[in-house]
Amino acid sequence: MKTIIIEQWENEHYPLGTIKKQKLKAKAEHEIIHILNRMAQMPAITRFGEASEVPAN
């Protein structure tokens, strides 16, 4: 069931890395759902740690 939850989330959002999947699978199902829901609400800049500079005019 944990694998199904993670795979469904990946199909709806973005692929997760191997280490992240291992860490999630070690948790209870309700914890997995909570973590994935929080991740889905994060903007891409927060998720990937990238920010593009806006040129000042």
C-alpha atoms as a PDB file:
ATOM      1  CA  MET A   1       0.000   0.000   0.000  1.00  0.00           C
ATOM      2  CA  LYS A   2       2.862   2.401   0.778  1.00  0.00           C
ATOM      3  CA  THR A   3       4.327   1.861  -2.693  1.00  0.00           C
ATOM      4  CA  ILE A   4       0.944   2.534  -4.310  1.00  0.00           C
ATOM      5  CA  ILE A   5       0.552   5.809  -2.400  1.00  0.00           C
ATOM      6  CA  ILE A   6       4.019   6.976  -3.454  1.00  0.00           C
ATOM      7  CA  GLU A   7       3.602   5.901  -7.106  1.00  0.00           C
ATOM      8  CA  GLN A   8       0.224   7.610  -7.394  1.00  0.00           C
ATOM      9  CA  TRP A   9       1.673  10.825  -5.950  1.00  0.00           C
ATOM     10  CA  GLU A  10       4.603  10.687  -8.395  1.00  0.00           C
ATOM     11  CA  ASN A  11       2.181  10.298 -11.316  1.00  0.00           C
ATOM     12  CA  GLU A  12       0.246  13.374 -10.175  1.00  0.00           C
ATOM     13  CA  HIS A  13       3.233  15.577  -9.269  1.00  0.00           C
ATOM     14  CA  TYR A  14       6.878  14.713  -9.997  1.00  0.00           C
ATOM     15  CA  PRO A  15       9.246  11.754  -9.581  1.00  0.00           C
ATOM     16  CA  LEU A  16      10.920  11.257  -6.223  1.00  0.00           C
ATOM     17  CA  GLY A  17      14.494  10.139  -5.721  1.00  0.00           C
ATOM     18  CA  THR A  18      15.402   6.666  -4.494  1.00  0.00           C
ATOM     19  CA  ILE A  19      16.535   7.874  -1.067  1.00  0.00           C
ATOM     20  CA  LYS A  20      13.345   9.902  -0.536  1.00  0.00           C
ATOM     21  CA  LYS A  21      11.240   6.845  -1.429  1.00  0.00           C
ATOM     22  CA  GLN A  22      13.189   4.673   1.036  1.00  0.00           C
ATOM     23  CA  LYS A  23      12.693   7.216   3.819  1.00  0.00           C
ATOM     24  CA  LEU A  24       8.971   7.469   3.083  1.00  0.00           C
ATOM     25  CA  LYS A  25       8.499   3.684   3.010  1.00  0.00           C
ATOM     26  CA  ALA A  26       9.994   3.476   6.513  1.00  0.00           C
ATOM     27  CA  LYS A  27       7.107   5.616   7.847  1.00  0.00           C
ATOM     28  CA  ALA A  28       3.463   4.812   8.586  1.00  0.00           C
ATOM     29  CA  GLU A  29       0.915   5.329   5.799  1.00  0.00           C
ATOM     30  CA  HIS A  30      -0.696   8.372   7.441  1.00  0.00           C
ATOM     31  CA  GLU A  31       2.754   9.962   7.820  1.00  0.00           C
ATOM     32  CA  ILE A  32       3.541   9.320   4.140  1.00  0.00           C
ATOM     33  CA  ILE A  33       0.307  10.987   3.073  1.00  0.00           C
ATOM     34  CA  HIS A  34       0.962  13.975   5.349  1.00  0.00           C
ATOM     35  CA  ILE A  35       4.527  14.456   4.041  1.00  0.00           C
ATOM     36  CA  LEU A  36       3.503  14.118   0.386  1.00  0.00           C
ATOM     37  CA  ASN A  37       0.642  16.589   0.875  1.00  0.00           C
ATOM     38  CA  ARG A  38       3.098  19.124   2.298  1.00  0.00           C
ATOM     39  CA  MET A  39       5.505  18.534  -0.593  1.00  0.00           C
ATOM     40  CA  ALA A  40       2.707  19.071  -3.116  1.00  0.00           C
ATOM     41  CA  GLN A  41       2.019  22.510  -1.629  1.00  0.00           C
ATOM     42  CA  MET A  42       5.638  23.680  -1.874  1.00  0.00           C
ATOM     43  CA  PRO A  43       6.550  25.928  -4.780  1.00  0.00           C
ATOM     44  CA  ALA A  44       9.144  24.550  -7.184  1.00  0.00           C
ATOM     45  CA  ILE A  45      11.779  27.003  -5.914  1.00  0.00           C
ATOM     46  CA  THR A  46      11.533  25.512  -2.420  1.00  0.00           C
ATOM     47  CA  ARG A  47      11.477  21.916  -3.660  1.00  0.00           C
ATOM     48  CA  PHE A  48      14.546  22.125  -5.853  1.00  0.00           C
ATOM     49  CA  GLY A  49      16.446  24.873  -4.057  1.00  0.00           C
ATOM     50  CA  GLU A  50      16.761  26.957  -7.208  1.00  0.00           C
ATOM     51  CA  ALA A  51      15.952  30.607  -7.593  1.00  0.00           C
ATOM     52  CA  SER A  52      16.535  32.722 -10.644  1.00  0.00           C
ATOM     53  CA  GLU A  53      17.607  36.280 -10.100  1.00  0.00           C
ATOM     54  CA  VAL A  54      15.306  38.996 -11.306  1.00  0.00           C
ATOM     55  CA  PRO A  55      17.240  41.786 -13.026  1.00  0.00           C
ATOM     56  CA  ALA A  56      16.699  45.188 -11.442  1.00  0.00           C
ATOM     57  CA  ASN A  57      15.612  47.856 -13.923  1.00  0.00           C
END
